[in-house]
C-alpha atoms as a PDB file:
ATOM      1  CA  MET A   1       0.000   0.000   0.000  1.00  0.00           C
ATOM      2  CA  ASN A   2       1.059   3.574  -0.723  1.00  0.00           C
ATOM      3  CA  ARG A   3      -0.021   6.928   0.623  1.00  0.00           C
ATOM      4  CA  HIS A   4      -1.524   9.045  -2.125  1.00  0.00           C
ATOM      5  CA  HIS A   5      -1.894  12.763  -1.492  1.00  0.00           C
ATOM      6  CA  LEU A   6      -5.309  13.925  -2.726  1.00  0.00           C
ATOM      7  CA  LYS A   7      -3.761  17.363  -3.172  1.00  0.00           C
ATOM      8  CA  ALA A   8      -0.178  16.753  -4.288  1.00  0.00           C
ATOM      9  CA  LYS A   9       2.700  17.828  -2.076  1.00  0.00           C
ATOM     10  CA  ALA A  10       4.060  19.671  -5.123  1.00  0.00           C
ATOM     11  CA  ASN A  11       0.857  21.745  -5.100  1.00  0.00           C
ATOM     12  CA  GLY A  12       0.933  22.485  -1.381  1.00  0.00           C
ATOM     13  CA  GLY A  13      -0.823  19.362  -0.118  1.00  0.00           C
ATOM     14  CA  GLN A  14      -0.082  18.304   3.433  1.00  0.00           C
ATOM     15  CA  ALA A  15       0.394  14.869   4.990  1.00  0.00           C
ATOM     16  CA  THR A  16      -2.866  15.094   6.945  1.00  0.00           C
ATOM     17  CA  VAL A  17      -5.489  12.397   7.431  1.00  0.00           C
ATOM     18  CA  GLN A  18      -7.919  14.414   5.290  1.00  0.00           C
ATOM     19  CA  ASN A  19      -5.421  14.638   2.410  1.00  0.00           C
ATOM     20  CA  LEU A  20      -4.090  11.072   2.383  1.00  0.00           C
ATOM     21  CA  LEU A  21      -5.566   8.009   0.754  1.00  0.00           C
ATOM     22  CA  TRP A  22      -4.066   4.536   1.117  1.00  0.00           C
ATOM     23  CA  ILE A  23      -4.094   2.738  -2.250  1.00  0.00           C
ATOM     24  CA  TYR A  24      -2.250  -0.153  -3.844  1.00  0.00           C
ATOM     25  CA  LYS A  25       1.173   0.784  -5.185  1.00  0.00           C
ATOM     26  CA  GLU A  26       0.291  -0.146  -8.787  1.00  0.00           C
ATOM     27  CA  ARG A  27      -2.858   2.005  -8.730  1.00  0.00           C
ATOM     28  CA  HIS A  28      -0.889   4.881  -7.243  1.00  0.00           C
ATOM     29  CA  GLU A  29       1.681   4.637 -10.025  1.00  0.00           C
ATOM     30  CA  MET A  30      -1.056   4.482 -12.682  1.00  0.00           C
ATOM     31  CA  TRP A  31      -2.779   7.565 -11.232  1.00  0.00           C
ATOM     32  CA  HIS A  32       0.421   9.570 -11.688  1.00  0.00           C
ATOM     33  CA  ILE A  33       1.038   8.163 -15.163  1.00  0.00           C
ATOM     34  CA  LEU A  34      -2.467   9.179 -16.225  1.00  0.00           C
ATOM     35  CA  PHE A  35      -2.975  12.394 -14.275  1.00  0.00           C
ATOM     36  CA  ALA A  36       0.467  13.553 -13.074  1.00  0.00           C
ATOM     37  CA  ASN A  37      -0.108  15.647  -9.941  1.00  0.00           C
ATOM     38  CA  LEU A  38      -3.702  16.680 -10.610  1.00  0.00           C
ATOM     39  CA  SER A  39      -6.019  16.611  -7.615  1.00  0.00           C
ATOM     40  CA  ILE A  40      -9.145  14.466  -7.650  1.00  0.00           C
ATOM     41  CA  ASP A  41     -11.240  17.590  -8.305  1.00  0.00           C
ATOM     42  CA  GLU A  42      -9.007  18.584 -11.223  1.00  0.00           C
ATOM     43  CA  VAL A  43      -9.294  15.069 -12.687  1.00  0.00           C
ATOM     44  CA  ILE A  44     -13.084  15.200 -12.398  1.00  0.00           C
ATOM     45  CA  GLU A  45     -13.130  18.582 -14.176  1.00  0.00           C
ATOM     46  CA  LEU A  46     -10.842  17.204 -16.892  1.00  0.00           C
ATOM     47  CA  LEU A  47     -13.044  14.146 -17.449  1.00  0.00           C
ATOM     48  CA  ILE A  48     -16.163  16.321 -17.640  1.00  0.00           C
ATOM     49  CA  ARG A  49     -14.482  18.555 -20.254  1.00  0.00           C
ATOM     50  CA  VAL A  50     -13.421  15.504 -22.284  1.00  0.00           C
ATOM     51  CA  SER A  51     -16.940  14.079 -22.087  1.00  0.00           C
ATOM     52  CA  ARG A  52     -18.469  17.367 -23.253  1.00  0.00           C
ATOM     53  CA  ALA A  53     -15.953  17.653 -26.089  1.00  0.00           C
ATOM     54  CA  LYS A  54     -16.802  14.126 -27.206  1.00  0.00           C
ATOM     55  CA  LYS A  55     -20.530  14.914 -27.171  1.00  0.00           C
ATOM     56  CA  ASN A  56     -19.867  18.073 -29.197  1.00  0.00           C
ATOM     57  CA  GLN A  57     -17.949  16.011 -31.746  1.00  0.00           C
ATOM     58  CA  LYS A  58     -20.935  13.694 -32.153  1.00  0.00           C
ATOM     59  CA  ILE A  59     -23.233  16.691 -32.693  1.00  0.00           C
ATOM     60  CA  TYR A  60     -20.822  18.234 -35.217  1.00  0.00           C
ATOM     61  CA  HIS A  61     -20.443  14.974 -37.144  1.00  0.00           C
ATOM     62  CA  SER A  62     -24.185  14.287 -37.220  1.00  0.00           C
ATOM     63  CA  ARG A  63     -24.873  17.795 -38.576  1.00  0.00           C
ATOM     64  CA  ASN A  64     -22.320  17.302 -41.328  1.00  0.00           C
ATOM     65  CA  GLY A  65     -23.453  13.813 -42.267  1.00  0.00           C
ATOM     66  CA  LYS A  66     -20.275  12.149 -41.050  1.00  0.00           C
END
């Protein structure tokens, strides 16, 4: 198990109970590969933006017959 900072130390996150999450080492490594030092809230915002962009692509393609 690894300690994962919900708000990264590099971004001012502290080693407090509220900011730490115990997760498996492999999952911790994958988080940082995928999201670098983004916080959980920043990742959620990113995923929402990607989802909206994808929906907009579908609308654009359907309007243009593609």
